[in-house]
């Protein structure tokens, strides 16, 4: 099956740069983890939109930058819906004093790594997740 990666927006105006290169980077990153992309949907939305999803599906009453829903059906297949708050990513980039594209790419690869099976709840897991994010961010050529 040919990898399918789609980008959507909900309730906001948001322009994603370098979509073709971004898709290749995601596919290459997944393959480097010995997995393959089935179908990924990235949905960029507002803080309020993502808060409602967090409340309804995860029973969390907090803002977040990303929520990932896994719909993979085969072992080593990465498929799912990744909701990203463009507002939260923009605010995080500003607070961290980093480029918006870098923070956006970090959040994108973070969601992909969750689908691969990486966790971030314990300090040990978070350290590994951050290390993987850094590795793939440094492998970008755009």
C-alpha atoms as a PDB file:
ATOM      1  CA  UNK A   1       0.000   0.000   0.000  1.00  0.00           C
ATOM      2  CA  UNK A   2       1.266   3.432  -0.933  1.00  0.00           C
ATOM      3  CA  UNK A   3       1.704   5.730   2.087  1.00  0.00           C
ATOM      4  CA  UNK A   4      -1.023   8.325   2.430  1.00  0.00           C
ATOM      5  CA  UNK A   5      -0.419  11.509   4.378  1.00  0.00           C
ATOM      6  CA  UNK A   6      -3.050  14.236   4.452  1.00  0.00           C
ATOM      7  CA  UNK A   7      -3.116  17.682   6.045  1.00  0.00           C
ATOM      8  CA  UNK A   8      -6.388  19.322   7.098  1.00  0.00           C
ATOM      9  CA  UNK A   9      -7.536  22.311   9.120  1.00  0.00           C
ATOM     10  CA  UNK A  10     -10.506  22.656  11.452  1.00  0.00           C
ATOM     11  CA  UNK A  11     -11.851  26.010  12.638  1.00  0.00           C
ATOM     12  CA  UNK A  12      -8.658  27.960  11.797  1.00  0.00           C
ATOM     13  CA  UNK A  13      -6.700  29.336   8.857  1.00  0.00           C
ATOM     14  CA  UNK A  14      -3.330  27.597   8.724  1.00  0.00           C
ATOM     15  CA  UNK A  15      -0.845  27.263   5.880  1.00  0.00           C
ATOM     16  CA  UNK A  16       1.624  24.407   6.052  1.00  0.00           C
ATOM     17  CA  UNK A  17       4.910  24.902   4.210  1.00  0.00           C
ATOM     18  CA  UNK A  18       6.831  22.302   2.186  1.00  0.00           C
ATOM     19  CA  UNK A  19       4.116  19.632   2.282  1.00  0.00           C
ATOM     20  CA  UNK A  20       5.812  17.307  -0.204  1.00  0.00           C
ATOM     21  CA  UNK A  21       9.169  17.453   1.566  1.00  0.00           C
ATOM     22  CA  UNK A  22       7.436  17.125   4.943  1.00  0.00           C
ATOM     23  CA  UNK A  23       5.634  13.960   3.793  1.00  0.00           C
ATOM     24  CA  UNK A  24       8.915  12.423   2.615  1.00  0.00           C
ATOM     25  CA  UNK A  25      10.581  13.268   5.941  1.00  0.00           C
ATOM     26  CA  UNK A  26       7.742  11.605   7.868  1.00  0.00           C
ATOM     27  CA  UNK A  27       7.862   8.483   5.676  1.00  0.00           C
ATOM     28  CA  UNK A  28      11.668   8.272   5.941  1.00  0.00           C
ATOM     29  CA  UNK A  29      11.510   8.703   9.735  1.00  0.00           C
ATOM     30  CA  UNK A  30       8.900   5.952  10.095  1.00  0.00           C
ATOM     31  CA  UNK A  31      10.911   3.610   7.865  1.00  0.00           C
ATOM     32  CA  UNK A  32      14.020   4.269   9.961  1.00  0.00           C
ATOM     33  CA  UNK A  33      12.043   2.829  12.898  1.00  0.00           C
ATOM     34  CA  UNK A  34      11.291  -0.334  10.849  1.00  0.00           C
ATOM     35  CA  UNK A  35       7.665   0.579  10.298  1.00  0.00           C
ATOM     36  CA  UNK A  36       5.634   1.860   7.367  1.00  0.00           C
ATOM     37  CA  UNK A  37       3.060   4.571   6.840  1.00  0.00           C
ATOM     38  CA  UNK A  38      -0.459   3.431   6.060  1.00  0.00           C
ATOM     39  CA  UNK A  39      -2.586   6.554   6.304  1.00  0.00           C
ATOM     40  CA  UNK A  40      -1.867   9.589   8.459  1.00  0.00           C
ATOM     41  CA  UNK A  41      -4.195  12.543   8.843  1.00  0.00           C
ATOM     42  CA  UNK A  42      -2.796  15.671  10.426  1.00  0.00           C
ATOM     43  CA  UNK A  43      -5.552  18.035  11.535  1.00  0.00           C
ATOM     44  CA  UNK A  44      -4.480  21.545  12.521  1.00  0.00           C
ATOM     45  CA  UNK A  45      -6.947  23.272  14.805  1.00  0.00           C
ATOM     46  CA  UNK A  46      -7.421  25.832  17.579  1.00  0.00           C
ATOM     47  CA  UNK A  47      -6.752  25.401  21.298  1.00  0.00           C
ATOM     48  CA  UNK A  48     -10.502  25.283  21.978  1.00  0.00           C
ATOM     49  CA  UNK A  49     -11.118  22.606  19.335  1.00  0.00           C
ATOM     50  CA  UNK A  50      -8.370  20.408  20.771  1.00  0.00           C
ATOM     51  CA  UNK A  51      -9.531  21.053  24.342  1.00  0.00           C
ATOM     52  CA  UNK A  52     -12.975  19.688  23.420  1.00  0.00           C
ATOM     53  CA  UNK A  53     -11.382  16.539  21.972  1.00  0.00           C
ATOM     54  CA  UNK A  54      -9.244  16.183  25.108  1.00  0.00           C
ATOM     55  CA  UNK A  55     -12.317  16.501  27.329  1.00  0.00           C
ATOM     56  CA  UNK A  56     -14.587  14.260  25.259  1.00  0.00           C
ATOM     57  CA  UNK A  57     -12.241  11.399  24.387  1.00  0.00           C
ATOM     58  CA  UNK A  58      -9.550  11.457  27.069  1.00  0.00           C
ATOM     59  CA  UNK A  59     -11.398  13.011  30.036  1.00  0.00           C
ATOM     60  CA  UNK A  60      -8.635  15.608  30.414  1.00  0.00           C
ATOM     61  CA  UNK A  61      -9.622  19.216  31.023  1.00  0.00           C
ATOM     62  CA  UNK A  62      -6.353  20.754  29.883  1.00  0.00           C
ATOM     63  CA  UNK A  63      -4.950  22.429  26.817  1.00  0.00           C
ATOM     64  CA  UNK A  64      -2.398  20.448  24.864  1.00  0.00           C
ATOM     65  CA  UNK A  65      -0.474  20.820  21.622  1.00  0.00           C
ATOM     66  CA  UNK A  66      -1.237  17.363  20.210  1.00  0.00           C
ATOM     67  CA  UNK A  67      -3.577  14.404  20.524  1.00  0.00           C
ATOM     68  CA  UNK A  68      -2.933  11.221  18.563  1.00  0.00           C
ATOM     69  CA  UNK A  69      -5.499   8.551  17.716  1.00  0.00           C
ATOM     70  CA  UNK A  70      -4.085   5.250  16.461  1.00  0.00           C
ATOM     71  CA  UNK A  71      -6.026   3.429  13.744  1.00  0.00           C
ATOM     72  CA  UNK A  72      -3.264   1.034  12.676  1.00  0.00           C
ATOM     73  CA  UNK A  73      -4.527  -2.377  11.647  1.00  0.00           C
ATOM     74  CA  UNK A  74      -1.298  -4.213  10.865  1.00  0.00           C
ATOM     75  CA  UNK A  75       1.867  -4.745  12.850  1.00  0.00           C
ATOM     76  CA  UNK A  76       4.489  -2.137  11.977  1.00  0.00           C
ATOM     77  CA  UNK A  77       1.859  -0.029  10.161  1.00  0.00           C
ATOM     78  CA  UNK A  78       1.502   3.570  11.275  1.00  0.00           C
ATOM     79  CA  UNK A  79      -1.989   4.948  10.697  1.00  0.00           C
ATOM     80  CA  UNK A  80      -3.997   7.466  12.623  1.00  0.00           C
ATOM     81  CA  UNK A  81      -5.332  10.945  13.150  1.00  0.00           C
ATOM     82  CA  UNK A  82      -3.021  13.508  14.701  1.00  0.00           C
ATOM     83  CA  UNK A  83      -4.706  16.674  15.952  1.00  0.00           C
ATOM     84  CA  UNK A  84      -2.365  19.629  16.472  1.00  0.00           C
ATOM     85  CA  UNK A  85      -3.243  22.973  18.044  1.00  0.00           C
ATOM     86  CA  UNK A  86      -1.585  25.548  15.797  1.00  0.00           C
ATOM     87  CA  UNK A  87      -2.155  28.137  18.546  1.00  0.00           C
ATOM     88  CA  UNK A  88      -0.378  26.049  21.182  1.00  0.00           C
ATOM     89  CA  UNK A  89       2.553  25.248  18.855  1.00  0.00           C
ATOM     90  CA  UNK A  90       2.937  28.952  18.021  1.00  0.00           C
ATOM     91  CA  UNK A  91       2.860  29.901  21.700  1.00  0.00           C
ATOM     92  CA  UNK A  92       5.333  27.148  22.636  1.00  0.00           C
ATOM     93  CA  UNK A  93       7.754  28.244  19.917  1.00  0.00           C
ATOM     94  CA  UNK A  94       7.585  31.811  21.201  1.00  0.00           C
ATOM     95  CA  UNK A  95       8.111  30.777  24.834  1.00  0.00           C
ATOM     96  CA  UNK A  96      10.987  28.451  23.911  1.00  0.00           C
ATOM     97  CA  UNK A  97      12.452  31.126  21.606  1.00  0.00           C
ATOM     98  CA  UNK A  98      12.709  28.714  18.698  1.00  0.00           C
ATOM     99  CA  UNK A  99      11.607  28.834  15.087  1.00  0.00           C
ATOM    100  CA  UNK A 100       7.918  28.026  14.561  1.00  0.00           C
ATOM    101  CA  UNK A 101       8.704  25.463  11.840  1.00  0.00           C
ATOM    102  CA  UNK A 102      11.092  23.613  14.149  1.00  0.00           C
ATOM    103  CA  UNK A 103       8.497  23.413  16.924  1.00  0.00           C
ATOM    104  CA  UNK A 104       5.816  22.368  14.447  1.00  0.00           C
ATOM    105  CA  UNK A 105       8.040  19.611  13.064  1.00  0.00           C
ATOM    106  CA  UNK A 106       8.861  18.476  16.617  1.00  0.00           C
ATOM    107  CA  UNK A 107       5.162  18.127  17.419  1.00  0.00           C
ATOM    108  CA  UNK A 108       4.486  16.319  14.130  1.00  0.00           C
ATOM    109  CA  UNK A 109       7.263  13.784  14.695  1.00  0.00           C
ATOM    110  CA  UNK A 110       6.189  13.451  18.347  1.00  0.00           C
ATOM    111  CA  UNK A 111       2.756  12.265  17.212  1.00  0.00           C
ATOM    112  CA  UNK A 112       4.293   9.901  14.676  1.00  0.00           C
ATOM    113  CA  UNK A 113       6.605   8.444  17.341  1.00  0.00           C
ATOM    114  CA  UNK A 114       3.585   7.798  19.573  1.00  0.00           C
ATOM    115  CA  UNK A 115       2.000   5.813  16.741  1.00  0.00           C
ATOM    116  CA  UNK A 116       5.218   3.810  16.393  1.00  0.00           C
ATOM    117  CA  UNK A 117       4.937   2.950  20.079  1.00  0.00           C
ATOM    118  CA  UNK A 118       7.122   5.433  21.925  1.00  0.00           C
ATOM    119  CA  UNK A 119       5.754   6.753  25.219  1.00  0.00           C
ATOM    120  CA  UNK A 120       6.458   9.879  27.256  1.00  0.00           C
ATOM    121  CA  UNK A 121       4.788   9.443  30.649  1.00  0.00           C
ATOM    122  CA  UNK A 122       7.859   8.429  32.698  1.00  0.00           C
ATOM    123  CA  UNK A 123      11.136  10.377  32.862  1.00  0.00           C
ATOM    124  CA  UNK A 124      12.952   7.498  31.116  1.00  0.00           C
ATOM    125  CA  UNK A 125      10.353   7.322  28.324  1.00  0.00           C
ATOM    126  CA  UNK A 126      10.335  11.115  27.948  1.00  0.00           C
ATOM    127  CA  UNK A 127      14.134  11.162  27.611  1.00  0.00           C
ATOM    128  CA  UNK A 128      14.000   8.540  24.847  1.00  0.00           C
ATOM    129  CA  UNK A 129      11.133  10.362  23.097  1.00  0.00           C
ATOM    130  CA  UNK A 130      13.017  13.671  23.165  1.00  0.00           C
ATOM    131  CA  UNK A 131      16.154  11.959  21.880  1.00  0.00           C
ATOM    132  CA  UNK A 132      14.184  10.466  18.965  1.00  0.00           C
ATOM    133  CA  UNK A 133      12.562  13.841  18.223  1.00  0.00           C
ATOM    134  CA  UNK A 134      15.968  15.530  18.190  1.00  0.00           C
ATOM    135  CA  UNK A 135      17.405  12.815  15.943  1.00  0.00           C
ATOM    136  CA  UNK A 136      14.663  13.187  13.336  1.00  0.00           C
ATOM    137  CA  UNK A 137      14.636  16.978  13.541  1.00  0.00           C
ATOM    138  CA  UNK A 138      18.354  16.934  12.811  1.00  0.00           C
ATOM    139  CA  UNK A 139      17.781  14.618   9.824  1.00  0.00           C
ATOM    140  CA  UNK A 140      15.551  17.185   8.081  1.00  0.00           C
ATOM    141  CA  UNK A 141      16.986  18.695   4.931  1.00  0.00           C
ATOM    142  CA  UNK A 142      14.480  21.520   4.549  1.00  0.00           C
END
